[in-house]
């Protein structure tokens, strides 16, 4: 009686649904074993996803407006210029890691050559600082472009496996046997998009933030240089 009841309950419960891990973290072959190629692509995309999270967090920290144009640098250099302590201003901007300090230092170094040389050096330093920032975040753009391609590669591979299963069964393949290849195709696409969408979104956001902060830094540097020119003319 107990054995009969157990058998009835087992039949009524039906087959168990696959777990989350078995769907998203590895690929099964049509024979029921582990598909090493499909699983390797899935884990490559998972590793890229983890790197993407780290990269986004670190770039947001590096590209803060305070790191490009800190108010402390602006006030310190303005105080030195107002006090005509030009050598100290030159040294302060030399050791300052911000883009604002970089622009002002290039201009101060060229000060003995005249106002035109200061302006040229300032513009060159501003363009170089902005280009360096944009090159740094370009890694996000590359990651966002490559990850869907890896996912597409997995999609093609999974469909090839599925079609080979159909061909080997004479065109009457069991849907269960097709699940491995189709699952690999869909899961790799999922991971590729999961990387690309945040990466490209953050890339566009950071690019806009860099452009805005760099333009603000240039305006602030210009006010310092105008003050420096006025002081020098008065002297």
C-alpha atoms as a PDB file:
ATOM      1  CA  UNK A   1       0.000   0.000   0.000  1.00  0.00           C
ATOM      2  CA  UNK A   2       2.746   2.438   0.932  1.00  0.00           C
ATOM      3  CA  UNK A   3       4.750   1.512  -2.175  1.00  0.00           C
ATOM      4  CA  UNK A   4       1.702   2.044  -4.394  1.00  0.00           C
ATOM      5  CA  UNK A   5       1.012   5.443  -2.795  1.00  0.00           C
ATOM      6  CA  UNK A   6       4.646   6.488  -3.279  1.00  0.00           C
ATOM      7  CA  UNK A   7       4.531   5.508  -6.943  1.00  0.00           C
ATOM      8  CA  UNK A   8       1.327   7.473  -7.498  1.00  0.00           C
ATOM      9  CA  UNK A   9       2.765  10.580  -5.830  1.00  0.00           C
ATOM     10  CA  UNK A  10       5.954  10.337  -7.930  1.00  0.00           C
ATOM     11  CA  UNK A  11       3.936  10.092 -11.123  1.00  0.00           C
ATOM     12  CA  UNK A  12       1.708  13.003 -10.151  1.00  0.00           C
ATOM     13  CA  UNK A  13       4.658  15.213  -9.309  1.00  0.00           C
ATOM     14  CA  UNK A  14       6.007  14.931 -12.872  1.00  0.00           C
ATOM     15  CA  UNK A  15       9.541  15.746 -13.989  1.00  0.00           C
ATOM     16  CA  UNK A  16      11.452  18.297 -11.948  1.00  0.00           C
ATOM     17  CA  UNK A  17      12.098  21.673 -13.565  1.00  0.00           C
ATOM     18  CA  UNK A  18      15.760  22.446 -14.179  1.00  0.00           C
ATOM     19  CA  UNK A  19      17.415  24.633 -11.590  1.00  0.00           C
ATOM     20  CA  UNK A  20      18.573  28.194 -12.178  1.00  0.00           C
ATOM     21  CA  UNK A  21      22.205  27.083 -12.066  1.00  0.00           C
ATOM     22  CA  UNK A  22      21.688  24.342 -14.644  1.00  0.00           C
ATOM     23  CA  UNK A  23      20.110  26.867 -17.019  1.00  0.00           C
ATOM     24  CA  UNK A  24      22.387  29.885 -16.681  1.00  0.00           C
ATOM     25  CA  UNK A  25      25.751  28.522 -15.559  1.00  0.00           C
ATOM     26  CA  UNK A  26      26.461  25.528 -17.766  1.00  0.00           C
ATOM     27  CA  UNK A  27      25.363  23.853 -20.964  1.00  0.00           C
ATOM     28  CA  UNK A  28      24.191  20.271 -21.365  1.00  0.00           C
ATOM     29  CA  UNK A  29      24.988  18.121 -24.375  1.00  0.00           C
ATOM     30  CA  UNK A  30      22.260  16.166 -26.237  1.00  0.00           C
ATOM     31  CA  UNK A  31      23.557  12.964 -24.622  1.00  0.00           C
ATOM     32  CA  UNK A  32      22.818  14.387 -21.185  1.00  0.00           C
ATOM     33  CA  UNK A  33      26.395  15.174 -20.193  1.00  0.00           C
ATOM     34  CA  UNK A  34      28.189  18.489 -19.884  1.00  0.00           C
ATOM     35  CA  UNK A  35      28.858  20.458 -23.081  1.00  0.00           C
ATOM     36  CA  UNK A  36      32.337  21.833 -22.412  1.00  0.00           C
ATOM     37  CA  UNK A  37      32.392  24.239 -25.354  1.00  0.00           C
ATOM     38  CA  UNK A  38      29.033  25.809 -24.542  1.00  0.00           C
ATOM     39  CA  UNK A  39      29.827  25.929 -20.822  1.00  0.00           C
ATOM     40  CA  UNK A  40      33.212  27.567 -21.515  1.00  0.00           C
ATOM     41  CA  UNK A  41      31.517  30.348 -23.504  1.00  0.00           C
ATOM     42  CA  UNK A  42      28.958  30.861 -20.751  1.00  0.00           C
ATOM     43  CA  UNK A  43      31.658  31.151 -18.084  1.00  0.00           C
ATOM     44  CA  UNK A  44      33.710  33.474 -20.287  1.00  0.00           C
ATOM     45  CA  UNK A  45      30.704  35.774 -20.488  1.00  0.00           C
ATOM     46  CA  UNK A  46      30.127  35.478 -16.733  1.00  0.00           C
ATOM     47  CA  UNK A  47      33.751  36.495 -16.120  1.00  0.00           C
ATOM     48  CA  UNK A  48      33.341  39.448 -18.490  1.00  0.00           C
ATOM     49  CA  UNK A  49      30.159  40.400 -16.641  1.00  0.00           C
ATOM     50  CA  UNK A  50      32.035  40.497 -13.324  1.00  0.00           C
ATOM     51  CA  UNK A  51      34.823  42.545 -14.928  1.00  0.00           C
ATOM     52  CA  UNK A  52      32.183  44.879 -16.357  1.00  0.00           C
ATOM     53  CA  UNK A  53      30.784  45.574 -12.867  1.00  0.00           C
ATOM     54  CA  UNK A  54      34.286  46.272 -11.529  1.00  0.00           C
ATOM     55  CA  UNK A  55      35.125  48.519 -14.489  1.00  0.00           C
ATOM     56  CA  UNK A  56      31.939  50.546 -14.152  1.00  0.00           C
ATOM     57  CA  UNK A  57      32.514  51.106 -10.433  1.00  0.00           C
ATOM     58  CA  UNK A  58      36.159  52.132 -10.872  1.00  0.00           C
ATOM     59  CA  UNK A  59      35.462  54.462 -13.814  1.00  0.00           C
ATOM     60  CA  UNK A  60      32.635  56.212 -11.980  1.00  0.00           C
ATOM     61  CA  UNK A  61      35.096  56.890  -9.182  1.00  0.00           C
ATOM     62  CA  UNK A  62      37.836  58.123 -11.531  1.00  0.00           C
ATOM     63  CA  UNK A  63      35.572  60.330 -13.641  1.00  0.00           C
ATOM     64  CA  UNK A  64      33.991  62.327 -10.852  1.00  0.00           C
ATOM     65  CA  UNK A  65      33.804  66.066 -11.602  1.00  0.00           C
ATOM     66  CA  UNK A  66      35.836  66.640  -8.411  1.00  0.00           C
ATOM     67  CA  UNK A  67      38.694  64.633  -9.915  1.00  0.00           C
ATOM     68  CA  UNK A  68      38.660  66.686 -13.128  1.00  0.00           C
ATOM     69  CA  UNK A  69      38.129  70.161 -11.719  1.00  0.00           C
ATOM     70  CA  UNK A  70      38.449  70.237  -7.916  1.00  0.00           C
ATOM     71  CA  UNK A  71      37.272  73.400  -6.199  1.00  0.00           C
ATOM     72  CA  UNK A  72      40.186  73.211  -3.756  1.00  0.00           C
ATOM     73  CA  UNK A  73      42.722  73.493  -6.595  1.00  0.00           C
ATOM     74  CA  UNK A  74      40.881  76.448  -8.108  1.00  0.00           C
ATOM     75  CA  UNK A  75      40.770  78.374  -4.841  1.00  0.00           C
ATOM     76  CA  UNK A  76      44.367  77.562  -3.922  1.00  0.00           C
ATOM     77  CA  UNK A  77      45.812  78.670  -7.258  1.00  0.00           C
ATOM     78  CA  UNK A  78      43.635  81.786  -7.326  1.00  0.00           C
ATOM     79  CA  UNK A  79      44.932  82.752  -3.885  1.00  0.00           C
ATOM     80  CA  UNK A  80      48.529  82.274  -5.010  1.00  0.00           C
ATOM     81  CA  UNK A  81      48.035  84.309  -8.178  1.00  0.00           C
ATOM     82  CA  UNK A  82      46.311  87.111  -6.273  1.00  0.00           C
ATOM     83  CA  UNK A  83      49.270  87.156  -3.911  1.00  0.00           C
ATOM     84  CA  UNK A  84      51.661  87.184  -6.899  1.00  0.00           C
ATOM     85  CA  UNK A  85      53.276  83.991  -5.619  1.00  0.00           C
ATOM     86  CA  UNK A  86      53.781  82.660  -9.110  1.00  0.00           C
ATOM     87  CA  UNK A  87      56.532  80.174  -8.329  1.00  0.00           C
ATOM     88  CA  UNK A  88      54.346  78.567  -5.679  1.00  0.00           C
ATOM     89  CA  UNK A  89      51.449  78.473  -8.142  1.00  0.00           C
ATOM     90  CA  UNK A  90      53.687  76.737 -10.673  1.00  0.00           C
ATOM     91  CA  UNK A  91      54.743  74.132  -8.110  1.00  0.00           C
ATOM     92  CA  UNK A  92      51.187  73.638  -6.843  1.00  0.00           C
ATOM     93  CA  UNK A  93      49.855  72.910 -10.333  1.00  0.00           C
ATOM     94  CA  UNK A  94      52.811  70.634 -11.105  1.00  0.00           C
ATOM     95  CA  UNK A  95      51.924  68.285  -8.258  1.00  0.00           C
ATOM     96  CA  UNK A  96      48.159  68.491  -8.762  1.00  0.00           C
ATOM     97  CA  UNK A  97      46.768  65.330 -10.450  1.00  0.00           C
ATOM     98  CA  UNK A  98      43.551  66.917 -11.734  1.00  0.00           C
ATOM     99  CA  UNK A  99      42.906  68.051 -15.293  1.00  0.00           C
ATOM    100  CA  UNK A 100      42.556  71.636 -14.062  1.00  0.00           C
ATOM    101  CA  UNK A 101      46.025  71.521 -12.513  1.00  0.00           C
ATOM    102  CA  UNK A 102      47.415  69.996 -15.691  1.00  0.00           C
ATOM    103  CA  UNK A 103      46.013  72.811 -17.853  1.00  0.00           C
ATOM    104  CA  UNK A 104      47.203  75.574 -15.545  1.00  0.00           C
ATOM    105  CA  UNK A 105      50.678  74.099 -15.184  1.00  0.00           C
ATOM    106  CA  UNK A 106      51.140  73.921 -18.965  1.00  0.00           C
ATOM    107  CA  UNK A 107      50.099  77.559 -19.257  1.00  0.00           C
ATOM    108  CA  UNK A 108      52.329  78.748 -16.391  1.00  0.00           C
ATOM    109  CA  UNK A 109      55.356  76.958 -17.838  1.00  0.00           C
ATOM    110  CA  UNK A 110      54.852  78.817 -21.118  1.00  0.00           C
ATOM    111  CA  UNK A 111      54.317  82.201 -19.404  1.00  0.00           C
ATOM    112  CA  UNK A 112      57.839  83.547 -20.152  1.00  0.00           C
ATOM    113  CA  UNK A 113      57.141  83.132 -23.879  1.00  0.00           C
ATOM    114  CA  UNK A 114      54.150  85.426 -23.826  1.00  0.00           C
ATOM    115  CA  UNK A 115      50.374  85.318 -23.708  1.00  0.00           C
ATOM    116  CA  UNK A 116      49.960  83.549 -27.066  1.00  0.00           C
ATOM    117  CA  UNK A 117      52.266  80.729 -25.978  1.00  0.00           C
ATOM    118  CA  UNK A 118      50.350  80.388 -22.712  1.00  0.00           C
ATOM    119  CA  UNK A 119      47.078  80.092 -24.609  1.00  0.00           C
ATOM    120  CA  UNK A 120      48.464  77.502 -27.027  1.00  0.00           C
ATOM    121  CA  UNK A 121      49.883  75.407 -24.192  1.00  0.00           C
ATOM    122  CA  UNK A 122      46.632  75.653 -22.267  1.00  0.00           C
ATOM    123  CA  UNK A 123      44.540  74.507 -25.246  1.00  0.00           C
ATOM    124  CA  UNK A 124      46.916  71.627 -26.001  1.00  0.00           C
ATOM    125  CA  UNK A 125      46.881  70.461 -22.378  1.00  0.00           C
ATOM    126  CA  UNK A 126      43.072  70.691 -22.214  1.00  0.00           C
ATOM    127  CA  UNK A 127      42.661  68.622 -25.385  1.00  0.00           C
ATOM    128  CA  UNK A 128      45.162  66.039 -24.185  1.00  0.00           C
ATOM    129  CA  UNK A 129      43.506  65.729 -20.762  1.00  0.00           C
ATOM    130  CA  UNK A 130      40.077  65.238 -22.331  1.00  0.00           C
ATOM    131  CA  UNK A 131      41.443  62.683 -24.813  1.00  0.00           C
ATOM    132  CA  UNK A 132      43.084  60.724 -21.980  1.00  0.00           C
ATOM    133  CA  UNK A 133      39.776  60.561 -20.112  1.00  0.00           C
ATOM    134  CA  UNK A 134      37.885  59.411 -23.198  1.00  0.00           C
ATOM    135  CA  UNK A 135      40.513  56.772 -23.978  1.00  0.00           C
ATOM    136  CA  UNK A 136      40.148  55.427 -20.451  1.00  0.00           C
ATOM    137  CA  UNK A 137      36.396  54.865 -20.730  1.00  0.00           C
ATOM    138  CA  UNK A 138      36.772  53.419 -24.240  1.00  0.00           C
ATOM    139  CA  UNK A 139      37.254  50.038 -22.540  1.00  0.00           C
ATOM    140  CA  UNK A 140      33.555  50.071 -21.713  1.00  0.00           C
ATOM    141  CA  UNK A 141      32.674  50.710 -25.341  1.00  0.00           C
ATOM    142  CA  UNK A 142      34.890  47.844 -26.495  1.00  0.00           C
ATOM    143  CA  UNK A 143      33.397  45.509 -23.891  1.00  0.00           C
ATOM    144  CA  UNK A 144      29.884  46.514 -24.896  1.00  0.00           C
ATOM    145  CA  UNK A 145      30.654  45.814 -28.559  1.00  0.00           C
ATOM    146  CA  UNK A 146      32.496  42.510 -28.089  1.00  0.00           C
ATOM    147  CA  UNK A 147      30.237  40.766 -25.556  1.00  0.00           C
ATOM    148  CA  UNK A 148      27.201  40.488 -27.899  1.00  0.00           C
ATOM    149  CA  UNK A 149      29.524  39.053 -30.544  1.00  0.00           C
ATOM    150  CA  UNK A 150      30.658  36.354 -28.091  1.00  0.00           C
ATOM    151  CA  UNK A 151      27.013  35.717 -27.260  1.00  0.00           C
ATOM    152  CA  UNK A 152      26.217  35.484 -30.969  1.00  0.00           C
ATOM    153  CA  UNK A 153      29.043  32.983 -31.388  1.00  0.00           C
ATOM    154  CA  UNK A 154      27.444  30.893 -28.644  1.00  0.00           C
ATOM    155  CA  UNK A 155      24.076  31.246 -30.372  1.00  0.00           C
ATOM    156  CA  UNK A 156      25.462  29.926 -33.647  1.00  0.00           C
ATOM    157  CA  UNK A 157      27.244  27.095 -31.852  1.00  0.00           C
ATOM    158  CA  UNK A 158      24.068  26.099 -29.976  1.00  0.00           C
ATOM    159  CA  UNK A 159      21.990  26.058 -33.139  1.00  0.00           C
ATOM    160  CA  UNK A 160      24.611  23.931 -34.898  1.00  0.00           C
ATOM    161  CA  UNK A 161      24.424  21.422 -32.038  1.00  0.00           C
ATOM    162  CA  UNK A 162      20.617  21.419 -32.240  1.00  0.00           C
ATOM    163  CA  UNK A 163      20.588  20.853 -36.009  1.00  0.00           C
ATOM    164  CA  UNK A 164      23.171  18.082 -35.727  1.00  0.00           C
ATOM    165  CA  UNK A 165      20.881  16.390 -33.192  1.00  0.00           C
ATOM    166  CA  UNK A 166      17.975  16.616 -35.641  1.00  0.00           C
ATOM    167  CA  UNK A 167      20.099  15.225 -38.459  1.00  0.00           C
ATOM    168  CA  UNK A 168      21.437  12.325 -36.389  1.00  0.00           C
ATOM    169  CA  UNK A 169      17.901  11.317 -35.392  1.00  0.00           C
ATOM    170  CA  UNK A 170      16.627  11.286 -38.965  1.00  0.00           C
ATOM    171  CA  UNK A 171      14.548  14.419 -38.537  1.00  0.00           C
ATOM    172  CA  UNK A 172      12.506  13.140 -35.589  1.00  0.00           C
ATOM    173  CA  UNK A 173      14.581  14.334 -32.655  1.00  0.00           C
ATOM    174  CA  UNK A 174      13.205  14.280 -29.141  1.00  0.00           C
ATOM    175  CA  UNK A 175      12.663  17.878 -27.911  1.00  0.00           C
ATOM    176  CA  UNK A 176      14.564  16.962 -24.765  1.00  0.00           C
ATOM    177  CA  UNK A 177      17.640  16.236 -26.887  1.00  0.00           C
ATOM    178  CA  UNK A 178      17.318  19.625 -28.601  1.00  0.00           C
ATOM    179  CA  UNK A 179      17.125  21.506 -25.310  1.00  0.00           C
ATOM    180  CA  UNK A 180      20.907  21.499 -24.775  1.00  0.00           C
ATOM    181  CA  UNK A 181      21.818  23.229 -28.022  1.00  0.00           C
ATOM    182  CA  UNK A 182      18.906  25.663 -27.937  1.00  0.00           C
ATOM    183  CA  UNK A 183      19.624  26.434 -24.282  1.00  0.00           C
ATOM    184  CA  UNK A 184      23.249  27.254 -25.083  1.00  0.00           C
ATOM    185  CA  UNK A 185      22.105  29.539 -27.905  1.00  0.00           C
ATOM    186  CA  UNK A 186      19.720  31.496 -25.686  1.00  0.00           C
ATOM    187  CA  UNK A 187      21.829  31.645 -22.522  1.00  0.00           C
ATOM    188  CA  UNK A 188      24.946  32.975 -24.280  1.00  0.00           C
ATOM    189  CA  UNK A 189      22.806  35.640 -25.925  1.00  0.00           C
ATOM    190  CA  UNK A 190      21.377  36.509 -22.505  1.00  0.00           C
ATOM    191  CA  UNK A 191      24.814  36.949 -20.907  1.00  0.00           C
ATOM    192  CA  UNK A 192      26.117  38.928 -23.883  1.00  0.00           C
ATOM    193  CA  UNK A 193      23.244  41.404 -23.641  1.00  0.00           C
ATOM    194  CA  UNK A 194      23.544  41.540 -19.856  1.00  0.00           C
ATOM    195  CA  UNK A 195      27.086  42.849 -20.354  1.00  0.00           C
ATOM    196  CA  UNK A 196      26.496  45.090 -23.372  1.00  0.00           C
ATOM    197  CA  UNK A 197      23.478  47.052 -22.167  1.00  0.00           C
ATOM    198  CA  UNK A 198      25.009  48.385 -18.913  1.00  0.00           C
ATOM    199  CA  UNK A 199      28.447  48.859 -20.498  1.00  0.00           C
ATOM    200  CA  UNK A 200      27.189  50.986 -23.403  1.00  0.00           C
ATOM    201  CA  UNK A 201      24.758  52.901 -21.193  1.00  0.00           C
ATOM    202  CA  UNK A 202      27.457  53.797 -18.674  1.00  0.00           C
ATOM    203  CA  UNK A 203      29.902  54.613 -21.487  1.00  0.00           C
ATOM    204  CA  UNK A 204      27.500  57.166 -22.950  1.00  0.00           C
ATOM    205  CA  UNK A 205      26.789  58.602 -19.491  1.00  0.00           C
ATOM    206  CA  UNK A 206      30.477  58.933 -18.589  1.00  0.00           C
ATOM    207  CA  UNK A 207      31.327  60.459 -21.953  1.00  0.00           C
ATOM    208  CA  UNK A 208      28.728  63.174 -21.407  1.00  0.00           C
ATOM    209  CA  UNK A 209      29.956  63.718 -17.849  1.00  0.00           C
ATOM    210  CA  UNK A 210      33.586  64.036 -19.008  1.00  0.00           C
ATOM    211  CA  UNK A 211      32.707  66.524 -21.730  1.00  0.00           C
ATOM    212  CA  UNK A 212      30.740  68.653 -19.271  1.00  0.00           C
ATOM    213  CA  UNK A 213      33.369  68.516 -16.527  1.00  0.00           C
ATOM    214  CA  UNK A 214      36.216  69.211 -18.963  1.00  0.00           C
ATOM    215  CA  UNK A 215      34.409  72.253 -20.355  1.00  0.00           C
ATOM    216  CA  UNK A 216      33.876  73.509 -16.808  1.00  0.00           C
ATOM    217  CA  UNK A 217      37.564  72.960 -16.004  1.00  0.00           C
ATOM    218  CA  UNK A 218      38.567  74.964 -19.074  1.00  0.00           C
ATOM    219  CA  UNK A 219      36.325  77.858 -18.046  1.00  0.00           C
ATOM    220  CA  UNK A 220      37.780  77.865 -14.545  1.00  0.00           C
ATOM    221  CA  UNK A 221      41.321  77.716 -15.894  1.00  0.00           C
ATOM    222  CA  UNK A 222      40.593  80.637 -18.191  1.00  0.00           C
ATOM    223  CA  UNK A 223      39.495  82.768 -15.225  1.00  0.00           C
ATOM    224  CA  UNK A 224      42.805  82.000 -13.476  1.00  0.00           C
ATOM    225  CA  UNK A 225      44.803  82.820 -16.601  1.00  0.00           C
ATOM    226  CA  UNK A 226      42.889  86.085 -17.078  1.00  0.00           C
ATOM    227  CA  UNK A 227      43.677  87.002 -13.484  1.00  0.00           C
ATOM    228  CA  UNK A 228      47.312  86.056 -14.030  1.00  0.00           C
ATOM    229  CA  UNK A 229      47.477  88.216 -17.166  1.00  0.00           C
ATOM    230  CA  UNK A 230      45.918  91.179 -15.395  1.00  0.00           C
ATOM    231  CA  UNK A 231      48.377  90.876 -12.513  1.00  0.00           C
ATOM    232  CA  UNK A 232      51.332  90.629 -14.871  1.00  0.00           C
ATOM    233  CA  UNK A 233      50.216  93.637 -16.903  1.00  0.00           C
ATOM    234  CA  UNK A 234      49.760  95.673 -13.733  1.00  0.00           C
ATOM    235  CA  UNK A 235      53.237  94.702 -12.594  1.00  0.00           C
END
